[in-house]
C-alpha atoms as a PDB file:
ATOM      1  CA  MET A   1      -0.206  -0.243   0.315  1.00  0.00           C
ATOM      2  CA  LEU A   2       0.942   3.302  -1.006  1.00  0.00           C
ATOM      3  CA  PHE A   3       1.011   4.624   2.808  1.00  0.00           C
ATOM      4  CA  LEU A   4       2.509   1.722   4.316  1.00  0.00           C
ATOM      5  CA  PRO A   5       5.440   3.000   6.662  1.00  0.00           C
ATOM      6  CA  LEU A   6       8.927   2.253   5.464  1.00  0.00           C
ATOM      7  CA  VAL A   7      10.592   1.186   8.824  1.00  0.00           C
ATOM      8  CA  PHE A   8      14.633   1.132   8.886  1.00  0.00           C
ATOM      9  CA  LEU A   9      17.060   0.071  12.023  1.00  0.00           C
ATOM     10  CA  ILE A  10      14.246   0.722  14.105  1.00  0.00           C
ATOM     11  CA  ALA A  11      14.316   2.033  17.757  1.00  0.00           C
ATOM     12  CA  ALA A  12      12.046   4.514  19.818  1.00  0.00           C
ATOM     13  CA  PRO A  13      13.080   8.037  20.356  1.00  0.00           C
ATOM     14  CA  ASP A  14      13.877   9.906  23.776  1.00  0.00           C
ATOM     15  CA  GLN A  15       9.565   9.505  24.789  1.00  0.00           C
ATOM     16  CA  ALA A  16      10.187  11.771  27.682  1.00  0.00           C
ATOM     17  CA  SER A  17      11.466  14.885  25.481  1.00  0.00           C
ATOM     18  CA  LEU A  18       8.390  14.462  23.049  1.00  0.00           C
ATOM     19  CA  LEU A  19       6.060  14.009  25.568  1.00  0.00           C
ATOM     20  CA  ALA A  20       7.454  16.993  27.164  1.00  0.00           C
ATOM     21  CA  GLU A  21       5.723  18.819  24.249  1.00  0.00           C
ATOM     22  CA  PRO A  22       1.860  19.453  24.810  1.00  0.00           C
ATOM     23  CA  SER A  23       0.300  18.850  20.774  1.00  0.00           C
ATOM     24  CA  LEU A  24      -0.055  15.189  19.052  1.00  0.00           C
ATOM     25  CA  GLY A  25       2.966  14.182  17.932  1.00  0.00           C
ATOM     26  CA  ASP A  26       4.933  17.198  18.266  1.00  0.00           C
ATOM     27  CA  HIS A  27       3.619  18.582  15.087  1.00  0.00           C
ATOM     28  CA  PRO A  28       4.813  21.629  13.560  1.00  0.00           C
ATOM     29  CA  GLN A  29       3.323  24.971  14.952  1.00  0.00           C
ATOM     30  CA  SER A  30       2.983  28.556  14.436  1.00  0.00           C
ATOM     31  CA  ALA A  31       3.587  31.287  16.680  1.00  0.00           C
ATOM     32  CA  ARG A  32       0.315  31.833  16.455  1.00  0.00           C
ATOM     33  CA  SER A  33      -0.503  28.753  17.381  1.00  0.00           C
ATOM     34  CA  ILE A  34       2.108  28.671  20.286  1.00  0.00           C
ATOM     35  CA  GLY A  35       0.802  31.993  21.717  1.00  0.00           C
ATOM     36  CA  MET A  36      -2.636  30.716  21.908  1.00  0.00           C
ATOM     37  CA  GLY A  37      -1.791  27.711  23.950  1.00  0.00           C
ATOM     38  CA  GLY A  38      -2.472  25.163  20.470  1.00  0.00           C
ATOM     39  CA  ALA A  39      -6.575  25.865  20.604  1.00  0.00           C
ATOM     40  CA  MET A  40      -6.183  26.467  16.599  1.00  0.00           C
ATOM     41  CA  ARG A  41      -8.677  23.658  15.093  1.00  0.00           C
ATOM     42  CA  GLY A  42     -11.577  25.806  15.078  1.00  0.00           C
ATOM     43  CA  ILE A  43     -10.262  28.897  13.841  1.00  0.00           C
ATOM     44  CA  ALA A  44      -7.442  27.837  11.424  1.00  0.00           C
ATOM     45  CA  ASP A  45      -8.128  29.492   8.245  1.00  0.00           C
ATOM     46  CA  GLY A  46      -4.219  29.941   6.940  1.00  0.00           C
ATOM     47  CA  VAL A  47      -1.013  27.669   6.728  1.00  0.00           C
ATOM     48  CA  ASP A  48      -1.827  26.079  10.904  1.00  0.00           C
ATOM     49  CA  ALA A  49      -4.712  24.365   8.683  1.00  0.00           C
ATOM     50  CA  LEU A  50      -2.085  22.445   7.592  1.00  0.00           C
ATOM     51  CA  TYR A  51      -1.305  20.582  10.662  1.00  0.00           C
ATOM     52  CA  VAL A  52      -4.339  20.491  12.647  1.00  0.00           C
ATOM     53  CA  ASN A  53      -7.441  21.166  10.641  1.00  0.00           C
ATOM     54  CA  PRO A  54      -7.150  21.053   6.528  1.00  0.00           C
ATOM     55  CA  ALA A  55     -10.552  21.757   5.949  1.00  0.00           C
ATOM     56  CA  GLY A  56     -10.022  25.230   7.607  1.00  0.00           C
ATOM     57  CA  MET A  57      -7.707  26.467   3.895  1.00  0.00           C
ATOM     58  CA  SER A  58     -11.272  26.366   2.259  1.00  0.00           C
ATOM     59  CA  MET A  59     -13.518  28.464   4.639  1.00  0.00           C
ATOM     60  CA  LYS A  60     -11.669  32.084   3.781  1.00  0.00           C
ATOM     61  CA  LYS A  61     -10.121  32.979  -0.009  1.00  0.00           C
ATOM     62  CA  ARG A  62      -5.994  33.710   1.445  1.00  0.00           C
ATOM     63  CA  TYR A  63      -3.210  33.085  -0.539  1.00  0.00           C
ATOM     64  CA  VAL A  64      -0.254  33.273   1.386  1.00  0.00           C
ATOM     65  CA  ILE A  65       3.209  32.699   1.875  1.00  0.00           C
ATOM     66  CA  ASP A  66       4.585  31.559   5.949  1.00  0.00           C
ATOM     67  CA  GLY A  67       7.861  30.782   7.255  1.00  0.00           C
ATOM     68  CA  GLY A  68       8.810  30.787  10.872  1.00  0.00           C
ATOM     69  CA  TYR A  69      10.949  29.539  13.380  1.00  0.00           C
ATOM     70  CA  SER A  70      10.936  27.807  17.144  1.00  0.00           C
ATOM     71  CA  TRP A  71      13.279  26.886  19.924  1.00  0.00           C
ATOM     72  CA  THR A  72      12.299  24.664  22.925  1.00  0.00           C
ATOM     73  CA  GLN A  73      15.288  24.667  26.178  1.00  0.00           C
ATOM     74  CA  ASP A  74      13.923  21.811  27.299  1.00  0.00           C
ATOM     75  CA  ALA A  75      14.714  19.090  24.491  1.00  0.00           C
ATOM     76  CA  ASN A  76      16.922  22.045  23.215  1.00  0.00           C
ATOM     77  CA  ALA A  77      14.849  21.581  19.715  1.00  0.00           C
ATOM     78  CA  HIS A  78      15.087  23.953  17.062  1.00  0.00           C
ATOM     79  CA  ARG A  79      12.317  23.720  14.464  1.00  0.00           C
ATOM     80  CA  PRO A  80      12.690  25.978  11.066  1.00  0.00           C
ATOM     81  CA  GLY A  81       9.738  25.934   8.763  1.00  0.00           C
ATOM     82  CA  ALA A  82       7.835  27.060   5.714  1.00  0.00           C
ATOM     83  CA  ALA A  83       4.142  26.961   4.048  1.00  0.00           C
ATOM     84  CA  ILE A  84       2.286  28.149   1.104  1.00  0.00           C
ATOM     85  CA  MET A  85      -1.759  27.872   0.915  1.00  0.00           C
ATOM     86  CA  ASP A  86      -3.846  29.172  -1.840  1.00  0.00           C
ATOM     87  CA  SER A  87      -7.579  29.014  -1.099  1.00  0.00           C
ATOM     88  CA  ALA A  88      -7.863  32.466  -3.177  1.00  0.00           C
ATOM     89  CA  THR A  89      -7.152  31.207  -7.052  1.00  0.00           C
ATOM     90  CA  THR A  90      -9.065  28.063  -7.445  1.00  0.00           C
ATOM     91  CA  SER A  91     -12.772  26.382  -6.011  1.00  0.00           C
ATOM     92  CA  VAL A  92      -9.748  23.455  -4.458  1.00  0.00           C
ATOM     93  CA  ALA A  93      -8.157  25.185  -1.627  1.00  0.00           C
ATOM     94  CA  ALA A  94      -4.207  23.661  -1.696  1.00  0.00           C
ATOM     95  CA  GLY A  95      -1.581  23.889   0.711  1.00  0.00           C
ATOM     96  CA  ALA A  96       1.994  22.531   1.443  1.00  0.00           C
ATOM     97  CA  SER A  97       4.724  22.335   4.132  1.00  0.00           C
ATOM     98  CA  TYR A  98       8.174  21.369   5.582  1.00  0.00           C
ATOM     99  CA  ASN A  99       9.209  21.243   8.540  1.00  0.00           C
ATOM    100  CA  PHE A 100      12.620  20.408  10.003  1.00  0.00           C
ATOM    101  CA  GLU A 101      13.157  19.797  13.495  1.00  0.00           C
ATOM    102  CA  ARG A 102      16.241  18.732  15.739  1.00  0.00           C
ATOM    103  CA  ARG A 103      16.401  17.491  19.377  1.00  0.00           C
ATOM    104  CA  PHE A 104      19.809  17.826  21.171  1.00  0.00           C
ATOM    105  CA  ASN A 105      19.405  16.234  23.929  1.00  0.00           C
ATOM    106  CA  SER A 106      20.028  12.254  24.833  1.00  0.00           C
ATOM    107  CA  GLY A 107      22.097  12.346  21.546  1.00  0.00           C
ATOM    108  CA  GLN A 108      20.784  14.106  18.086  1.00  0.00           C
ATOM    109  CA  LEU A 109      16.948  13.244  17.009  1.00  0.00           C
ATOM    110  CA  ASP A 110      16.574  14.665  13.439  1.00  0.00           C
ATOM    111  CA  VAL A 111      12.869  15.211  11.794  1.00  0.00           C
ATOM    112  CA  HIS A 112      12.001  16.199   8.635  1.00  0.00           C
ATOM    113  CA  ARG A 113       7.906  16.446   7.759  1.00  0.00           C
ATOM    114  CA  ILE A 114       6.289  17.047   4.428  1.00  0.00           C
ATOM    115  CA  ASN A 115       2.641  17.832   4.401  1.00  0.00           C
ATOM    116  CA  PHE A 116       0.554  18.497   1.336  1.00  0.00           C
ATOM    117  CA  ALA A 117      -3.369  19.339   1.800  1.00  0.00           C
ATOM    118  CA  LEU A 118      -6.686  19.406  -0.070  1.00  0.00           C
ATOM    119  CA  ALA A 119     -10.049  21.176   1.498  1.00  0.00           C
ATOM    120  CA  TYR A 120     -13.378  21.987  -0.567  1.00  0.00           C
ATOM    121  CA  ASN A 121     -15.977  24.006   0.679  1.00  0.00           C
ATOM    122  CA  ILE A 122     -19.648  23.030   0.562  1.00  0.00           C
ATOM    123  CA  GLY A 123     -22.259  26.019   0.163  1.00  0.00           C
ATOM    124  CA  GLY A 124     -19.769  28.912   2.147  1.00  0.00           C
ATOM    125  CA  PHE A 125     -20.464  27.004   5.749  1.00  0.00           C
ATOM    126  CA  LEU A 126     -18.589  23.255   5.601  1.00  0.00           C
ATOM    127  CA  GLY A 127     -15.641  22.834   4.725  1.00  0.00           C
ATOM    128  CA  ILE A 128     -13.726  19.145   4.383  1.00  0.00           C
ATOM    129  CA  GLY A 129     -10.287  18.004   4.044  1.00  0.00           C
ATOM    130  CA  ALA A 130      -7.415  16.124   3.404  1.00  0.00           C
ATOM    131  CA  THR A 131      -3.652  16.556   4.626  1.00  0.00           C
ATOM    132  CA  PHE A 132      -0.817  13.923   2.902  1.00  0.00           C
ATOM    133  CA  LYS A 133       2.362  13.352   5.154  1.00  0.00           C
ATOM    134  CA  TYR A 134       5.813  12.097   4.943  1.00  0.00           C
ATOM    135  CA  LEU A 135       7.748  12.284   7.898  1.00  0.00           C
ATOM    136  CA  ASP A 136      11.645  11.009   7.872  1.00  0.00           C
ATOM    137  CA  ALA A 137      13.121  11.064  11.026  1.00  0.00           C
ATOM    138  CA  THR A 138      16.891   9.714  12.367  1.00  0.00           C
ATOM    139  CA  ARG A 139      17.835   9.409  15.611  1.00  0.00           C
ATOM    140  CA  VAL A 140      21.615   9.061  16.817  1.00  0.00           C
ATOM    141  CA  ALA A 141      22.292   8.640  20.527  1.00  0.00           C
ATOM    142  CA  TYR A 142      26.103   8.548  22.303  1.00  0.00           C
ATOM    143  CA  ASP A 143      28.330   7.208  25.392  1.00  0.00           C
ATOM    144  CA  LYS A 144      29.225   9.901  27.689  1.00  0.00           C
ATOM    145  CA  ILE A 145      32.198  10.982  29.559  1.00  0.00           C
ATOM    146  CA  PHE A 146      31.392  11.944  33.124  1.00  0.00           C
ATOM    147  CA  ASP A 147      33.196  14.250  34.927  1.00  0.00           C
ATOM    148  CA  PRO A 148      34.351  12.700  38.254  1.00  0.00           C
ATOM    149  CA  ASN A 149      33.891  15.701  40.557  1.00  0.00           C
ATOM    150  CA  THR A 150      30.568  16.723  39.514  1.00  0.00           C
ATOM    151  CA  ALA A 151      29.136  13.588  37.545  1.00  0.00           C
ATOM    152  CA  ALA A 152      27.804  16.187  34.766  1.00  0.00           C
ATOM    153  CA  PRO A 153      28.561  15.143  31.483  1.00  0.00           C
ATOM    154  CA  ARG A 154      32.145  16.247  30.261  1.00  0.00           C
ATOM    155  CA  ALA A 155      31.900  15.279  25.929  1.00  0.00           C
ATOM    156  CA  ASN A 156      29.802  13.208  23.928  1.00  0.00           C
ATOM    157  CA  ILE A 157      32.092  10.497  22.580  1.00  0.00           C
ATOM    158  CA  THR A 158      31.327   7.280  20.462  1.00  0.00           C
ATOM    159  CA  PRO A 159      28.001   7.284  18.305  1.00  0.00           C
ATOM    160  CA  TYR A 160      25.566   4.830  17.991  1.00  0.00           C
ATOM    161  CA  PRO A 161      24.554   3.791  14.588  1.00  0.00           C
ATOM    162  CA  ALA A 162      22.025   5.764  13.349  1.00  0.00           C
ATOM    163  CA  GLN A 163      18.030   5.096  13.871  1.00  0.00           C
ATOM    164  CA  ARG A 164      16.234   5.937  10.906  1.00  0.00           C
ATOM    165  CA  ILE A 165      12.146   5.702  10.554  1.00  0.00           C
ATOM    166  CA  LEU A 166      10.419   6.993   7.104  1.00  0.00           C
ATOM    167  CA  SER A 167       6.686   7.015   6.603  1.00  0.00           C
ATOM    168  CA  PHE A 168       3.439   8.086   4.906  1.00  0.00           C
ATOM    169  CA  SER A 169       0.371   8.930   7.174  1.00  0.00           C
ATOM    170  CA  GLY A 170      -2.608  11.540   6.601  1.00  0.00           C
ATOM    171  CA  ASP A 171      -5.410  13.679   8.587  1.00  0.00           C
ATOM    172  CA  VAL A 172      -8.964  14.394   7.561  1.00  0.00           C
ATOM    173  CA  SER A 173     -11.075  17.001   8.900  1.00  0.00           C
ATOM    174  CA  ALA A 174     -14.515  19.057   8.560  1.00  0.00           C
ATOM    175  CA  MET A 175     -15.486  22.511   9.639  1.00  0.00           C
ATOM    176  CA  LEU A 176     -18.726  23.936  10.091  1.00  0.00           C
ATOM    177  CA  THR A 177     -19.736  27.606  10.261  1.00  0.00           C
ATOM    178  CA  PRO A 178     -23.733  27.298  11.042  1.00  0.00           C
ATOM    179  CA  ILE A 179     -23.871  30.730  11.735  1.00  0.00           C
ATOM    180  CA  GLN A 180     -21.539  33.945  10.976  1.00  0.00           C
ATOM    181  CA  TYR A 181     -20.096  33.517  15.322  1.00  0.00           C
ATOM    182  CA  PHE A 182     -19.479  30.381  15.705  1.00  0.00           C
ATOM    183  CA  SER A 183     -17.377  27.065  14.486  1.00  0.00           C
ATOM    184  CA  ILE A 184     -16.970  23.954  15.340  1.00  0.00           C
ATOM    185  CA  ALA A 185     -14.455  21.006  13.751  1.00  0.00           C
ATOM    186  CA  ILE A 186     -13.310  17.796  13.916  1.00  0.00           C
ATOM    187  CA  SER A 187      -9.989  16.016  12.658  1.00  0.00           C
ATOM    188  CA  GLY A 188      -8.624  12.488  12.784  1.00  0.00           C
ATOM    189  CA  HIS A 189      -4.772  12.446  12.894  1.00  0.00           C
ATOM    190  CA  ASN A 190      -2.554   9.920  11.787  1.00  0.00           C
ATOM    191  CA  LEU A 191      -4.891   7.466  10.627  1.00  0.00           C
ATOM    192  CA  ILE A 192      -2.308   5.161   9.267  1.00  0.00           C
ATOM    193  CA  PRO A 193      -0.251   5.277  12.315  1.00  0.00           C
ATOM    194  CA  ASN A 194       3.520   4.518  13.019  1.00  0.00           C
ATOM    195  CA  PRO A 195       3.852   1.064  14.452  1.00  0.00           C
ATOM    196  CA  VAL A 196       7.353   1.797  15.986  1.00  0.00           C
ATOM    197  CA  TRP A 197       7.607   5.377  17.146  1.00  0.00           C
ATOM    198  CA  ALA A 198       3.768   6.009  17.601  1.00  0.00           C
ATOM    199  CA  GLU A 199       5.078   9.307  19.862  1.00  0.00           C
ATOM    200  CA  LEU A 200       6.304  10.546  16.448  1.00  0.00           C
ATOM    201  CA  THR A 201       2.675   9.804  14.992  1.00  0.00           C
ATOM    202  CA  PRO A 202      -0.140   8.933  17.611  1.00  0.00           C
ATOM    203  CA  LEU A 203      -3.302   7.955  16.327  1.00  0.00           C
ATOM    204  CA  GLY A 204      -5.300  10.631  17.140  1.00  0.00           C
ATOM    205  CA  MET A 205      -8.716  12.710  17.026  1.00  0.00           C
ATOM    206  CA  GLY A 206      -9.661  16.749  17.794  1.00  0.00           C
ATOM    207  CA  MET A 207     -12.557  18.219  18.520  1.00  0.00           C
ATOM    208  CA  ALA A 208     -13.316  22.166  18.712  1.00  0.00           C
ATOM    209  CA  ALA A 209     -15.816  24.564  19.000  1.00  0.00           C
ATOM    210  CA  ALA A 210     -14.781  28.749  18.456  1.00  0.00           C
ATOM    211  CA  VAL A 211     -16.190  31.843  18.500  1.00  0.00           C
ATOM    212  CA  HIS A 212     -15.653  34.449  16.345  1.00  0.00           C
ATOM    213  CA  VAL A 213     -16.675  38.711  17.299  1.00  0.00           C
ATOM    214  CA  ALA A 214     -15.898  41.457  16.331  1.00  0.00           C
ATOM    215  CA  GLY A 215     -12.031  40.418  16.025  1.00  0.00           C
ATOM    216  CA  LEU A 216     -11.953  38.536  19.153  1.00  0.00           C
ATOM    217  CA  GLU A 217     -11.552  34.752  18.219  1.00  0.00           C
ATOM    218  CA  VAL A 218     -12.011  32.326  21.541  1.00  0.00           C
ATOM    219  CA  ASP A 219     -11.270  28.177  20.518  1.00  0.00           C
ATOM    220  CA  PHE A 220     -11.689  25.216  22.509  1.00  0.00           C
ATOM    221  CA  ASP A 221     -10.264  21.863  21.893  1.00  0.00           C
ATOM    222  CA  ALA A 222      -9.763  18.733  23.067  1.00  0.00           C
ATOM    223  CA  VAL A 223      -7.710  16.413  21.445  1.00  0.00           C
ATOM    224  CA  ILE A 224      -7.177  12.811  22.193  1.00  0.00           C
ATOM    225  CA  ASP A 225      -4.125  10.892  22.065  1.00  0.00           C
ATOM    226  CA  PHE A 226      -4.636   6.930  21.139  1.00  0.00           C
ATOM    227  CA  THR A 227      -1.594   5.537  20.938  1.00  0.00           C
ATOM    228  CA  THR A 228       1.282   7.300  22.916  1.00  0.00           C
ATOM    229  CA  LEU A 229       0.272   6.223  26.016  1.00  0.00           C
ATOM    230  CA  LYS A 230      -1.061   2.186  27.215  1.00  0.00           C
ATOM    231  CA  LYS A 231      -4.061   4.584  26.778  1.00  0.00           C
ATOM    232  CA  ALA A 232      -6.333   7.115  25.531  1.00  0.00           C
ATOM    233  CA  ALA A 233      -5.426  10.411  27.166  1.00  0.00           C
ATOM    234  CA  VAL A 234      -6.546  13.964  26.187  1.00  0.00           C
ATOM    235  CA  ARG A 235      -4.990  17.187  26.001  1.00  0.00           C
ATOM    236  CA  TYR A 236      -7.339  19.997  26.313  1.00  0.00           C
ATOM    237  CA  HIS A 237      -6.175  23.750  24.351  1.00  0.00           C
ATOM    238  CA  PHE A 238      -8.042  27.124  25.267  1.00  0.00           C
ATOM    239  CA  GLY A 239      -7.127  30.003  23.275  1.00  0.00           C
ATOM    240  CA  ALA A 240      -8.412  33.698  22.651  1.00  0.00           C
ATOM    241  CA  GLU A 241      -6.718  36.562  20.651  1.00  0.00           C
ATOM    242  CA  TYR A 242      -7.765  40.098  20.466  1.00  0.00           C
ATOM    243  CA  ALA A 243      -7.157  42.521  17.360  1.00  0.00           C
ATOM    244  CA  ILE A 244      -6.874  45.905  18.302  1.00  0.00           C
ATOM    245  CA  ALA A 245      -7.501  48.036  15.366  1.00  0.00           C
ATOM    246  CA  GLY A 246      -7.593  44.783  13.168  1.00  0.00           C
ATOM    247  CA  MET A 247      -3.918  45.275  13.146  1.00  0.00           C
ATOM    248  CA  VAL A 248      -2.325  44.119  16.481  1.00  0.00           C
ATOM    249  CA  PRO A 249      -3.269  40.733  17.547  1.00  0.00           C
ATOM    250  CA  LEU A 250      -3.110  39.960  21.200  1.00  0.00           C
ATOM    251  CA  ARG A 251      -3.116  36.192  22.058  1.00  0.00           C
ATOM    252  CA  ALA A 252      -3.256  34.335  25.565  1.00  0.00           C
ATOM    253  CA  GLY A 253      -3.821  30.500  25.834  1.00  0.00           C
ATOM    254  CA  PHE A 254      -3.801  27.653  27.912  1.00  0.00           C
ATOM    255  CA  ILE A 255      -3.272  23.707  27.919  1.00  0.00           C
ATOM    256  CA  HIS A 256      -4.563  20.857  30.167  1.00  0.00           C
ATOM    257  CA  ASP A 257      -1.997  17.800  29.469  1.00  0.00           C
ATOM    258  CA  ASP A 258      -2.994  14.316  30.053  1.00  0.00           C
ATOM    259  CA  VAL A 259      -0.632  12.786  27.827  1.00  0.00           C
ATOM    260  CA  GLY A 260       2.655  14.534  28.891  1.00  0.00           C
ATOM    261  CA  PHE A 261       1.531  15.223  32.637  1.00  0.00           C
ATOM    262  CA  ASP A 262       1.634  19.212  32.712  1.00  0.00           C
ATOM    263  CA  ASN A 263       0.024  22.599  32.285  1.00  0.00           C
ATOM    264  CA  PHE A 264       1.089  24.954  30.330  1.00  0.00           C
ATOM    265  CA  TRP A 265       0.420  28.816  29.929  1.00  0.00           C
ATOM    266  CA  SER A 266       1.174  30.809  26.781  1.00  0.00           C
ATOM    267  CA  PHE A 267       0.829  34.092  25.578  1.00  0.00           C
ATOM    268  CA  GLY A 268       2.100  36.228  21.587  1.00  0.00           C
ATOM    269  CA  ALA A 269       1.406  39.310  19.840  1.00  0.00           C
ATOM    270  CA  GLY A 270       1.481  40.208  16.135  1.00  0.00           C
ATOM    271  CA  PHE A 271       1.406  42.473  13.547  1.00  0.00           C
ATOM    272  CA  ARG A 272      -0.898  42.731   9.972  1.00  0.00           C
ATOM    273  CA  HIS A 273      -0.455  44.666   7.197  1.00  0.00           C
ATOM    274  CA  PRO A 274      -2.764  43.807   3.977  1.00  0.00           C
ATOM    275  CA  SER A 275       0.464  42.691   2.137  1.00  0.00           C
ATOM    276  CA  PHE A 276       2.550  41.063   5.405  1.00  0.00           C
ATOM    277  CA  GLY A 277       2.606  40.005   8.801  1.00  0.00           C
ATOM    278  CA  ILE A 278       4.614  39.328  11.842  1.00  0.00           C
ATOM    279  CA  ASP A 279       3.964  36.974  15.343  1.00  0.00           C
ATOM    280  CA  PHE A 280       5.370  35.813  18.071  1.00  0.00           C
ATOM    281  CA  GLY A 281       4.765  33.309  20.571  1.00  0.00           C
ATOM    282  CA  TYR A 282       5.848  31.990  23.663  1.00  0.00           C
ATOM    283  CA  ARG A 283       4.840  28.672  25.881  1.00  0.00           C
ATOM    284  CA  GLN A 284       5.586  27.990  29.366  1.00  0.00           C
ATOM    285  CA  SER A 285       5.408  24.674  31.637  1.00  0.00           C
ATOM    286  CA  ILE A 286       4.152  24.985  35.014  1.00  0.00           C
ATOM    287  CA  ALA A 287       5.672  21.847  36.331  1.00  0.00           C
ATOM    288  CA  ARG A 288       8.880  22.255  34.978  1.00  0.00           C
ATOM    289  CA  PRO A 289       9.941  25.916  34.634  1.00  0.00           C
ATOM    290  CA  GLU A 290      12.876  24.849  31.849  1.00  0.00           C
ATOM    291  CA  ASN A 291      10.263  23.432  29.223  1.00  0.00           C
ATOM    292  CA  ARG A 292       9.642  26.532  27.044  1.00  0.00           C
ATOM    293  CA  THR A 293       9.412  27.468  23.892  1.00  0.00           C
ATOM    294  CA  ILE A 294       9.738  30.672  21.778  1.00  0.00           C
ATOM    295  CA  ALA A 295       9.003  30.781  18.378  1.00  0.00           C
ATOM    296  CA  PHE A 296       8.872  33.795  15.821  1.00  0.00           C
ATOM    297  CA  GLY A 297       6.796  34.446  12.390  1.00  0.00           C
ATOM    298  CA  VAL A 298       6.604  36.009   9.027  1.00  0.00           C
ATOM    299  CA  GLN A 299       4.120  36.121   6.305  1.00  0.00           C
ATOM    300  CA  TYR A 300       3.511  37.250   2.840  1.00  0.00           C
ATOM    301  CA  TYR A 301      -0.001  37.744   1.751  1.00  0.00           C
ATOM    302  CA  MET A 302      -0.330  37.938  -1.820  1.00  0.00           C
ATOM    303  CA  ASN A 303      -3.526  39.589  -3.374  1.00  0.00           C
END
């Protein structure tokens, strides 16, 4: 089958560092999403839809190019990425993205993600969409020399053979706006899960409800992760955004995470111009002060 996972040199990644990220399989997140606590499924109508709700691409007419970068202190993880989405020039909205992640804790974990999404709008109030996903992950672990006086690692040496996995998967979603000020969404994630590194592509389901009133966006997401732990667990995402004069969005969010056993608060801000935008997002763990994420993003809107 086309979407059957291809597995090479199998071994598990550093699960603890992956669980520390409050998102489904640590899927890519924009600075806007991080600032809103990941509560995006009910309002995603740009490149964020590529990652959490492809149906959202069809809800507004847009042609946008996006680039971003985030860093997480606890995992020493660096994540650059770029995406493009067009729902303005064709009846079928389409988007594509490339995201790279490199983690330096417990060795080195490199993850390449490519997403391609399509969406279609029915009657102006119902969107349906699907995302096709390719993942290439490689991990190298190290032995360490420890300083006998401090017990701290002094140097990384002797890398073990690289462990690699290549896999295909996909998401599907629907988004309904029954009235102008309210939307609901449902999404299925990694419907062809990776049986080996389940933490990277866990089978999941997301549900969202959002309110849109005069520059204010309020979103609530409940995301069920079926495969990372031995039983299904839920992450709850709450987020709000208010755009001052339609140009300066201010954001805040909160996450209750029963998968990673933690809670997070977040905030963010941005600037919107008819032809470009910039975003900043910050997320902080409550249980682990060193688990913080900083993100930046830029957008170019093609009219």
